[in-house]
């Protein structure tokens, strides 16, 4: 004899976890969708006003009872059927049985996922804006804070912390834009697609979308239940953010070493050793590095799940995809909270950084540039002369702080056969890291004024981001208000 549904193992490993996920993420979206659908059916004269009123009243009773009142019951496949059964019991079979008229679990399931997902995308966007604000405050504070800049992990040229952070703010702005684009893809209503072909009833898809706060509808009913780009666009944004933050975290960990001595991480983020009394372990950055990898992993799981399934309604793109999707968003949100607190409490060892800014021959480029300006040499010859001087100094163990004009002239004689027309004052100025920074005043340059101009532009983008978030949240609030009014009129 075949067994009755569900098999205990299927219930334990599939139905119960999926039910718990739906309770956690989709309960309120489901009730809102039921209300909007009932209102629309009555407005389109598909059901009576009395029928809609009974449905709305049943939903209100269920909302008042709360999600905990609707625990998993063996034999009931999912929360949708559990709630539908309760609505039928409360409204009566004649009225309650019309709830699913002109609708399917297919379009409803995608709608609920989109509604739950959009709130999480907005939450992550809000945290990115907060992080950008914290980083911007540090950048404004350190427009003149000299430090070594690195390429290939080696000292390269003098920079300021503000210049480095302007780069961080730039990638955060790009990542914010990806989240904004993802939200636009997510916040479209699939309702009205029914199973996949639409419905023969004269429904108003746009009315339901408006009552639920969607910015529009997914026009193709096939794509409404088959498309997954709202899932992948979201996790692509998470991946981009995680990758960018991870690269920055690598830099911060290097700068936090005792040898670099660039950063002073607040004591509230430092853990000690059980055996070594001197240790200040920057564990917050280590946890962040690991959690960013976790976010990337969850996000890639979503992409992998989407890549090899039919272009239609399957469980792969519904119940099974919600856990990694929401884990990815929750993890990246946790990381953003940690970064915000990290940057709000971060201090720099400014004097040490200023002293280090010119070490390692980091001003050699400006010396070569000075030879071009003052002696009219071609840059490649100037580069060769300075490189020769540096190589000689390194072999002799002479640090960059003890370079002399005589050493430069010796290299010039080897390359050109004669000395250069360059004064000691010009030579010393070219090796000054503050001068190096000051003269790089072009668009986007490291000079404080140039960096400040970049920060001003980035602040405009940040302000626009806050305005977008406020507008998106306001539209959702207005939709909720409209739906409440419409349901009260039933």
Protein backbone atom coordinates (compact mmCIF):
# COMPACT_ATOMS: atom_id res chain seq x y z
CA UNK A 1 0.00 0.00 0.00
CA UNK A 2 1.35 3.45 -0.86
CA UNK A 3 1.94 5.66 2.16
CA UNK A 4 -0.06 8.80 2.93
CA UNK A 5 1.39 12.24 2.33
CA UNK A 6 3.75 13.35 3.71
CA UNK A 7 6.39 10.74 4.31
CA UNK A 8 7.94 11.49 7.74
CA UNK A 9 11.40 11.96 6.25
CA UNK A 10 10.06 14.33 3.57
CA UNK A 11 8.18 16.23 6.26
CA UNK A 12 11.24 16.52 8.50
CA UNK A 13 13.75 17.58 5.86
CA UNK A 14 11.61 19.50 3.36
CA UNK A 15 8.18 20.59 4.53
CA UNK A 16 8.96 21.63 8.09
CA UNK A 17 12.07 23.73 7.29
CA UNK A 18 10.26 25.38 4.36
CA UNK A 19 7.28 26.09 6.61
CA UNK A 20 9.54 27.71 9.20
CA UNK A 21 11.17 29.88 6.52
CA UNK A 22 7.75 30.98 5.28
CA UNK A 23 6.66 31.82 8.82
CA UNK A 24 9.80 33.89 9.33
CA UNK A 25 9.72 35.81 6.06
CA UNK A 26 6.38 35.56 4.26
CA UNK A 27 3.56 35.63 6.83
CA UNK A 28 2.82 39.37 6.71
CA UNK A 29 3.41 39.66 2.95
CA UNK A 30 0.94 36.78 2.48
CA UNK A 31 -1.76 38.52 4.53
CA UNK A 32 -1.20 41.80 2.69
CA UNK A 33 -1.44 40.00 -0.66
CA UNK A 34 -4.69 38.33 0.42
CA UNK A 35 -6.16 41.71 1.35
CA UNK A 36 -5.10 43.37 -1.90
CA UNK A 37 -6.41 40.46 -3.98
CA UNK A 38 -9.79 40.50 -2.22
CA UNK A 39 -10.15 44.26 -2.68
CA UNK A 40 -9.26 44.04 -6.38
CA UNK A 41 -11.66 41.14 -7.05
CA UNK A 42 -14.52 43.15 -5.57
CA UNK A 43 -13.56 46.34 -7.42
CA UNK A 44 -13.54 44.36 -10.68
CA UNK A 45 -16.94 42.85 -9.84
CA UNK A 46 -15.52 39.34 -9.86
CA UNK A 47 -16.69 38.71 -6.29
CA UNK A 48 -19.28 40.57 -4.23
CA UNK A 49 -18.48 43.30 -1.76
CA UNK A 50 -19.79 41.00 0.97
CA UNK A 51 -17.41 38.25 -0.13
CA UNK A 52 -14.45 40.64 -0.04
CA UNK A 53 -15.47 41.92 3.38
CA UNK A 54 -15.59 38.38 4.75
CA UNK A 55 -12.12 37.65 3.35
CA UNK A 56 -10.68 40.87 4.75
CA UNK A 57 -12.21 40.20 8.17
CA UNK A 58 -10.76 36.69 8.18
CA UNK A 59 -7.30 38.04 7.36
CA UNK A 60 -7.59 40.58 10.18
CA UNK A 61 -8.41 37.80 12.63
CA UNK A 62 -5.40 35.78 11.48
CA UNK A 63 -3.10 38.80 11.76
CA UNK A 64 -4.33 39.47 15.29
CA UNK A 65 -3.62 35.87 16.28
CA UNK A 66 -0.05 36.17 14.99
CA UNK A 67 2.19 33.80 13.11
CA UNK A 68 2.92 31.65 16.15
CA UNK A 69 -0.71 30.54 16.20
CA UNK A 70 -0.22 28.77 12.90
CA UNK A 71 2.35 26.11 13.61
CA UNK A 72 3.19 23.37 11.17
CA UNK A 73 0.64 20.58 10.98
CA UNK A 74 1.45 17.23 9.36
CA UNK A 75 -0.66 16.67 6.28
CA UNK A 76 -0.88 20.38 5.42
CA UNK A 77 1.70 21.07 2.77
CA UNK A 78 2.67 24.65 3.54
CA UNK A 79 1.70 27.89 5.29
CA UNK A 80 -0.38 29.00 2.30
CA UNK A 81 -2.75 26.06 2.64
CA UNK A 82 -2.75 26.45 6.43
CA UNK A 83 -3.83 30.09 6.13
CA UNK A 84 -6.26 29.41 3.30
CA UNK A 85 -7.90 26.71 5.40
CA UNK A 86 -8.25 29.13 8.29
CA UNK A 87 -9.76 31.80 6.01
CA UNK A 88 -12.30 29.29 4.70
CA UNK A 89 -13.14 28.31 8.27
CA UNK A 90 -13.57 31.96 9.31
CA UNK A 91 -15.32 33.32 6.21
CA UNK A 92 -17.26 30.24 5.26
CA UNK A 93 -16.73 27.91 2.32
CA UNK A 94 -18.70 30.02 -0.13
CA UNK A 95 -16.71 33.18 0.55
CA UNK A 96 -13.40 31.73 1.69
CA UNK A 97 -13.23 29.43 -1.29
CA UNK A 98 -12.93 32.42 -3.62
CA UNK A 99 -9.65 33.66 -2.17
CA UNK A 100 -7.60 31.89 -4.82
CA UNK A 101 -9.82 32.94 -7.71
CA UNK A 102 -7.69 34.25 -10.63
CA UNK A 103 -4.52 33.47 -8.71
CA UNK A 104 -2.06 30.60 -8.20
CA UNK A 105 0.52 29.68 -5.61
CA UNK A 106 2.98 30.28 -8.46
CA UNK A 107 2.46 34.02 -8.89
CA UNK A 108 1.67 34.43 -5.20
CA UNK A 109 4.87 32.70 -4.12
CA UNK A 110 7.04 34.94 -6.26
CA UNK A 111 5.13 38.01 -5.08
CA UNK A 112 5.67 37.15 -1.43
CA UNK A 113 9.38 36.50 -2.02
CA UNK A 114 9.70 39.86 -3.75
CA UNK A 115 7.87 41.66 -0.95
CA UNK A 116 10.06 40.09 1.72
CA UNK A 117 13.19 40.58 -0.34
CA UNK A 118 12.61 44.26 -1.03
CA UNK A 119 12.54 45.10 2.67
CA UNK A 120 15.87 43.34 3.15
CA UNK A 121 17.39 45.12 0.15
CA UNK A 122 16.26 48.43 1.64
CA UNK A 123 17.75 47.43 5.01
CA UNK A 124 21.11 46.61 3.42
CA UNK A 125 20.97 49.84 1.42
CA UNK A 126 20.37 51.78 4.62
CA UNK A 127 23.43 50.19 6.24
CA UNK A 128 25.60 50.95 3.20
CA UNK A 129 24.50 54.59 3.45
CA UNK A 130 25.42 54.59 7.14
CA UNK A 131 28.82 53.10 6.35
CA UNK A 132 29.43 55.71 3.66
CA UNK A 133 28.57 58.38 6.22
CA UNK A 134 31.06 56.98 8.74
CA UNK A 135 33.81 56.67 6.12
CA UNK A 136 33.07 60.19 4.83
CA UNK A 137 33.55 61.60 8.34
CA UNK A 138 36.97 59.93 8.59
CA UNK A 139 37.95 61.17 5.13
CA UNK A 140 36.99 64.78 5.96
CA UNK A 141 38.99 64.51 9.17
CA UNK A 142 42.14 63.29 7.42
CA UNK A 143 42.46 65.42 4.28
CA UNK A 144 46.00 66.35 5.34
CA UNK A 145 47.04 63.12 7.03
CA UNK A 146 50.07 61.90 5.09
CA UNK A 147 50.74 58.19 4.79
CA UNK A 148 52.47 55.78 2.41
CA UNK A 149 50.46 54.59 -0.55
CA UNK A 150 51.06 51.07 -1.79
CA UNK A 151 51.14 49.18 -5.07
CA UNK A 152 51.96 45.48 -5.22
CA UNK A 153 51.91 45.64 -1.38
CA UNK A 154 55.09 47.78 -1.46
CA UNK A 155 55.51 51.50 -0.59
CA UNK A 156 54.80 53.42 -3.78
CA UNK A 157 53.99 57.12 -3.30
CA UNK A 158 52.86 59.43 -0.51
CA UNK A 159 49.09 59.75 -0.18
CA UNK A 160 46.61 60.92 2.41
CA UNK A 161 44.11 58.79 4.26
CA UNK A 162 41.37 60.91 2.71
CA UNK A 163 42.60 60.00 -0.76
CA UNK A 164 42.46 56.29 0.07
CA UNK A 165 39.03 56.64 1.64
CA UNK A 166 37.74 58.57 -1.37
CA UNK A 167 38.42 55.37 -3.30
CA UNK A 168 36.54 53.34 -0.69
CA UNK A 169 33.62 55.76 -0.92
CA UNK A 170 33.65 55.43 -4.69
CA UNK A 171 33.29 51.66 -4.66
CA UNK A 172 30.63 51.90 -1.95
CA UNK A 173 28.69 54.30 -4.17
CA UNK A 174 28.94 51.84 -7.07
CA UNK A 175 27.79 48.99 -4.83
CA UNK A 176 24.91 51.13 -3.56
CA UNK A 177 23.87 51.68 -7.18
CA UNK A 178 23.82 47.91 -7.73
CA UNK A 179 21.49 47.54 -4.74
CA UNK A 180 19.27 50.31 -6.10
CA UNK A 181 19.09 48.58 -9.49
CA UNK A 182 18.36 45.26 -7.78
CA UNK A 183 15.51 46.86 -5.85
CA UNK A 184 14.00 48.14 -9.10
CA UNK A 185 14.06 44.58 -10.45
CA UNK A 186 12.68 43.08 -7.24
CA UNK A 187 9.85 45.55 -6.73
CA UNK A 188 7.69 44.44 -9.67
CA UNK A 189 4.51 42.46 -9.17
CA UNK A 190 4.06 39.01 -10.74
CA UNK A 191 0.48 38.77 -9.47
CA UNK A 192 -2.05 38.11 -12.18
CA UNK A 193 0.18 35.63 -13.94
CA UNK A 194 -1.61 32.85 -12.05
CA UNK A 195 -0.03 29.48 -12.94
CA UNK A 196 1.82 30.95 -15.95
CA UNK A 197 -0.78 32.02 -18.55
CA UNK A 198 -2.72 34.69 -16.73
CA UNK A 199 -6.44 34.32 -16.09
CA UNK A 200 -9.72 34.54 -17.98
CA UNK A 201 -11.19 36.82 -15.30
CA UNK A 202 -11.05 40.61 -15.90
CA UNK A 203 -8.62 41.39 -13.08
CA UNK A 204 -6.66 44.62 -12.57
CA UNK A 205 -3.01 43.65 -12.13
CA UNK A 206 -1.86 47.22 -11.64
CA UNK A 207 -4.36 47.82 -8.84
CA UNK A 208 -2.99 44.89 -6.86
CA UNK A 209 0.56 46.10 -7.51
CA UNK A 210 -0.33 49.57 -6.23
CA UNK A 211 -2.00 48.22 -3.08
CA UNK A 212 1.12 46.18 -2.30
CA UNK A 213 3.68 48.90 -2.97
CA UNK A 214 5.12 47.45 -6.16
CA UNK A 215 6.48 49.99 -8.64
CA UNK A 216 4.97 48.13 -11.59
CA UNK A 217 4.13 44.68 -12.90
CA UNK A 218 6.10 41.94 -14.62
CA UNK A 219 4.38 42.25 -17.99
CA UNK A 220 5.08 38.74 -19.28
CA UNK A 221 3.08 36.17 -17.33
CA UNK A 222 5.61 33.52 -18.36
CA UNK A 223 8.48 35.53 -16.93
CA UNK A 224 6.47 36.45 -13.84
CA UNK A 225 6.64 32.85 -12.65
CA UNK A 226 9.77 31.70 -14.51
CA UNK A 227 12.17 34.58 -14.05
CA UNK A 228 14.83 34.60 -11.38
CA UNK A 229 16.77 37.76 -12.16
CA UNK A 230 15.29 39.49 -9.13
CA UNK A 231 17.08 36.85 -7.07
CA UNK A 232 20.37 36.90 -8.95
CA UNK A 233 20.49 40.70 -9.29
CA UNK A 234 20.20 40.94 -5.52
CA UNK A 235 22.94 38.45 -4.76
CA UNK A 236 25.17 39.91 -7.47
CA UNK A 237 24.95 43.19 -5.55
CA UNK A 238 25.82 41.34 -2.34
CA UNK A 239 28.78 39.69 -4.05
CA UNK A 240 30.13 42.97 -5.41
CA UNK A 241 29.86 44.58 -1.99
CA UNK A 242 31.48 41.61 -0.24
CA UNK A 243 34.38 41.49 -2.70
CA UNK A 244 35.07 45.22 -2.40
CA UNK A 245 34.86 45.20 1.38
CA UNK A 246 37.07 42.13 1.56
CA UNK A 247 39.85 43.85 -0.39
CA UNK A 248 39.63 46.86 1.92
CA UNK A 249 39.73 44.53 4.93
CA UNK A 250 42.98 43.05 3.68
CA UNK A 251 44.48 46.55 3.62
CA UNK A 252 43.20 47.33 7.10
CA UNK A 253 44.65 44.14 8.55
CA UNK A 254 48.07 44.96 7.06
CA UNK A 255 47.90 48.55 8.35
CA UNK A 256 46.95 47.23 11.80
CA UNK A 257 50.10 45.15 12.19
CA UNK A 258 52.64 46.30 14.74
CA UNK A 259 55.19 46.73 11.94
CA UNK A 260 52.92 49.07 9.98
CA UNK A 261 51.57 50.75 13.15
CA UNK A 262 49.18 52.83 11.06
CA UNK A 263 45.85 52.21 12.78
CA UNK A 264 44.69 52.21 16.35
CA UNK A 265 41.65 49.96 16.49
CA UNK A 266 39.40 50.78 19.41
CA UNK A 267 39.84 48.58 22.47
CA UNK A 268 36.21 47.50 22.18
CA UNK A 269 37.21 45.51 19.09
CA UNK A 270 40.44 44.04 20.46
CA UNK A 271 40.87 40.63 22.06
CA UNK A 272 43.87 39.55 24.14
CA UNK A 273 45.94 36.39 24.19
CA UNK A 274 45.55 33.77 26.88
CA UNK A 275 49.35 33.45 27.14
CA UNK A 276 50.96 36.55 25.64
CA UNK A 277 50.24 39.66 27.75
CA UNK A 278 51.29 42.13 25.08
CA UNK A 279 48.85 41.06 22.38
CA UNK A 280 46.18 43.34 20.85
CA UNK A 281 44.52 41.10 18.32
CA UNK A 282 42.40 42.96 15.69
CA UNK A 283 39.84 40.17 15.69
CA UNK A 284 36.98 42.27 14.37
CA UNK A 285 38.71 42.40 10.98
CA UNK A 286 39.34 38.66 11.05
CA UNK A 287 35.67 37.98 11.76
CA UNK A 288 34.70 40.38 8.99
CA UNK A 289 36.98 38.67 6.51
CA UNK A 290 35.39 35.32 7.37
CA UNK A 291 31.82 36.62 7.30
CA UNK A 292 32.32 38.27 3.94
CA UNK A 293 33.37 34.87 2.63
CA UNK A 294 30.22 33.44 4.15
CA UNK A 295 28.07 36.07 2.42
CA UNK A 296 29.80 35.30 -0.87
CA UNK A 297 29.12 31.60 -0.36
CA UNK A 298 25.42 32.07 0.35
CA UNK A 299 25.11 34.40 -2.65
CA UNK A 300 26.88 31.95 -4.95
CA UNK A 301 24.53 29.20 -3.77
CA UNK A 302 21.62 31.27 -5.09
CA UNK A 303 23.35 31.76 -8.44
CA UNK A 304 24.25 28.07 -8.68
CA UNK A 305 20.69 27.03 -7.87
CA UNK A 306 19.32 29.29 -10.60
CA UNK A 307 21.73 28.30 -13.34
CA UNK A 308 20.48 24.85 -14.30
CA UNK A 309 16.73 24.73 -13.79
CA UNK A 310 13.83 25.03 -16.24
CA UNK A 311 12.52 28.47 -17.14
CA UNK A 312 9.31 27.99 -15.25
CA UNK A 313 7.84 27.15 -11.87
CA UNK A 314 9.97 24.73 -9.86
CA UNK A 315 10.76 24.30 -6.18
CA UNK A 316 14.43 25.06 -6.88
CA UNK A 317 13.58 28.70 -7.45
CA UNK A 318 10.99 28.99 -4.68
CA UNK A 319 11.19 27.28 -1.27
CA UNK A 320 14.72 25.97 -1.66
CA UNK A 321 16.25 29.28 -2.64
CA UNK A 322 14.95 31.39 0.24
CA UNK A 323 17.37 30.17 2.96
CA UNK A 324 20.64 31.05 1.16
CA UNK A 325 19.09 34.23 -0.22
CA UNK A 326 18.12 35.61 3.17
CA UNK A 327 21.29 34.28 4.80
CA UNK A 328 23.35 36.24 2.25
CA UNK A 329 21.48 39.45 3.01
CA UNK A 330 21.55 38.93 6.78
CA UNK A 331 25.28 38.21 6.74
CA UNK A 332 26.21 41.24 4.65
CA UNK A 333 24.02 43.40 6.89
CA UNK A 334 25.89 42.11 9.96
CA UNK A 335 29.19 42.94 8.26
CA UNK A 336 28.03 46.45 7.45
CA UNK A 337 27.01 47.04 11.07
CA UNK A 338 30.47 45.95 12.21
CA UNK A 339 32.20 48.17 9.64
CA UNK A 340 30.13 51.18 10.69
CA UNK A 341 31.13 50.77 14.32
CA UNK A 342 34.74 50.08 13.30
CA UNK A 343 35.07 53.31 11.30
CA UNK A 344 33.23 55.38 13.90
CA UNK A 345 35.82 54.38 16.53
CA UNK A 346 38.95 54.16 14.37
CA UNK A 347 41.99 56.31 15.20
CA UNK A 348 45.23 56.82 13.24
CA UNK A 349 48.82 57.07 14.39
CA UNK A 350 49.19 60.28 12.41
CA UNK A 351 52.73 61.25 13.41
CA UNK A 352 54.04 57.80 12.60
CA UNK A 353 52.27 57.76 9.24
CA UNK A 354 53.62 61.19 8.32
CA UNK A 355 57.15 60.01 9.12
CA UNK A 356 56.63 56.89 7.02
CA UNK A 357 55.12 58.72 4.06
CA UNK A 358 58.49 59.54 2.49
CA UNK A 359 60.31 56.34 3.43
CA UNK A 360 61.08 53.66 0.91
CA UNK A 361 61.97 56.24 -1.76
CA UNK A 362 58.25 56.99 -2.29
CA UNK A 363 58.97 60.49 -3.64
CA UNK A 364 61.23 59.24 -6.44
CA UNK A 365 58.52 59.89 -9.03
CA UNK A 366 58.35 63.55 -8.07
CA UNK A 367 62.14 63.83 -8.28
CA UNK A 368 62.01 62.48 -11.83
CA UNK A 369 59.14 64.87 -12.63
CA UNK A 370 61.19 67.74 -11.21
CA UNK A 371 64.09 66.89 -13.52
CA UNK A 372 61.69 67.09 -16.45
CA UNK A 373 60.32 70.47 -15.30
CA UNK A 374 63.62 72.07 -14.30
CA UNK A 375 66.15 70.57 -16.71
CA UNK A 376 63.91 69.72 -19.69
CA UNK A 377 65.03 66.09 -19.74
CA UNK A 378 62.76 63.50 -21.35
CA UNK A 379 60.95 61.57 -18.63
CA UNK A 380 62.54 58.24 -19.50
CA UNK A 381 66.05 59.69 -19.02
CA UNK A 382 64.98 61.39 -15.80
CA UNK A 383 63.52 58.08 -14.61
CA UNK A 384 66.79 56.31 -15.40
CA UNK A 385 68.87 58.83 -13.48
CA UNK A 386 66.67 58.66 -10.37
CA UNK A 387 66.45 54.87 -10.55
CA UNK A 388 70.26 54.70 -10.69
CA UNK A 389 70.55 56.90 -7.61
CA UNK A 390 68.02 54.76 -5.70
CA UNK A 391 69.74 51.51 -6.65
CA UNK A 392 73.09 52.88 -5.47
CA UNK A 393 71.54 54.02 -2.20
CA UNK A 394 69.89 50.67 -1.57
CA UNK A 395 73.16 48.81 -2.17
CA UNK A 396 74.98 51.17 0.21
CA UNK A 397 72.28 50.93 2.86
CA UNK A 398 71.42 54.62 2.58
CA UNK A 399 67.77 55.34 3.51
CA UNK A 400 65.63 57.73 1.50
CA UNK A 401 65.89 60.37 4.24
CA UNK A 402 69.68 60.63 3.64
CA UNK A 403 69.71 61.02 -0.13
CA UNK A 404 71.88 63.89 -1.36
CA UNK A 405 72.14 66.01 -4.46
CA UNK A 406 75.66 64.65 -4.93
CA UNK A 407 74.26 61.13 -5.26
CA UNK A 408 71.83 62.31 -7.91
CA UNK A 409 74.60 64.13 -9.81
CA UNK A 410 76.76 61.00 -9.75
CA UNK A 411 73.95 59.04 -11.38
CA UNK A 412 73.40 61.84 -13.91
CA UNK A 413 77.06 61.71 -14.94
CA UNK A 414 76.79 57.98 -15.52
CA UNK A 415 73.68 58.38 -17.68
CA UNK A 416 74.29 61.74 -19.38
CA UNK A 417 78.01 62.29 -19.02
CA UNK A 418 77.46 65.58 -17.16
CA UNK A 419 75.83 66.98 -14.03
CA UNK A 420 72.35 68.49 -13.90
CA UNK A 421 71.44 72.15 -13.43
CA UNK A 422 69.49 71.52 -10.22
CA UNK A 423 69.81 73.28 -6.84
CA UNK A 424 69.92 71.63 -3.45
CA UNK A 425 66.66 73.39 -2.55
CA UNK A 426 64.94 71.96 -5.63
CA UNK A 427 66.31 68.53 -4.83
CA UNK A 428 65.07 68.60 -1.22
CA UNK A 429 61.66 69.95 -2.19
CA UNK A 430 61.21 67.13 -4.69
CA UNK A 431 61.85 64.58 -1.94
CA UNK A 432 59.38 66.18 0.48
CA UNK A 433 56.24 63.97 0.76
CA UNK A 434 54.04 66.98 1.56
CA UNK A 435 55.20 68.69 -1.63
CA UNK A 436 54.56 65.45 -3.53
CA UNK A 437 50.96 65.49 -2.35
CA UNK A 438 50.40 69.22 -2.85
CA UNK A 439 51.44 69.35 -6.51
CA UNK A 440 49.11 66.50 -7.50
CA UNK A 441 46.15 68.83 -7.62
CA UNK A 442 44.46 67.66 -10.82
CA UNK A 443 40.99 66.17 -10.92
CA UNK A 444 40.87 63.25 -8.50
CA UNK A 445 44.43 63.87 -7.34
CA UNK A 446 45.86 63.34 -3.88
CA UNK A 447 46.21 67.06 -3.04
CA UNK A 448 43.87 67.99 -0.17
CA UNK A 449 41.87 70.44 -2.30
CA UNK A 450 41.49 67.92 -5.11
CA UNK A 451 40.48 65.18 -2.69
CA UNK A 452 38.01 67.53 -1.01
CA UNK A 453 36.40 68.15 -4.40
CA UNK A 454 36.03 64.40 -4.90
CA UNK A 455 34.51 64.07 -1.43
CA UNK A 456 32.04 66.84 -2.25
CA UNK A 457 30.86 64.95 -5.32
CA UNK A 458 30.64 61.75 -3.33
CA UNK A 459 28.62 63.60 -0.68
CA UNK A 460 26.13 64.65 -3.36
CA UNK A 461 25.77 60.99 -4.35
CA UNK A 462 25.38 60.04 -0.70
CA UNK A 463 22.64 62.63 -0.22
CA UNK A 464 20.90 61.30 -3.32
CA UNK A 465 21.12 57.80 -1.86
CA UNK A 466 19.37 58.91 1.33
CA UNK A 467 16.70 60.66 -0.74
CA UNK A 468 16.13 57.49 -2.78
CA UNK A 469 15.84 55.37 0.36
CA UNK A 470 13.39 57.80 1.95
CA UNK A 471 11.28 57.83 -1.22
CA UNK A 472 11.25 54.03 -1.50
CA UNK A 473 10.25 53.60 2.14
CA UNK A 474 7.60 56.30 1.78
CA UNK A 475 6.08 54.59 -1.27
CA UNK A 476 5.74 51.35 0.68
CA UNK A 477 4.17 53.19 3.60
CA UNK A 478 1.70 54.95 1.29
CA UNK A 479 0.75 51.62 -0.28
CA UNK A 480 0.09 50.12 3.14
CA UNK A 481 -2.07 53.10 4.03
CA UNK A 482 -4.04 52.79 0.78
CA UNK A 483 -4.57 49.10 1.36
CA UNK A 484 -5.76 49.74 4.91
CA UNK A 485 -8.25 52.30 3.63
CA UNK A 486 -9.46 49.95 0.90
CA UNK A 487 -9.92 47.07 3.33
CA UNK A 488 -11.78 49.27 5.82
CA UNK A 489 -14.22 50.17 3.06
CA UNK A 490 -15.14 46.56 2.38
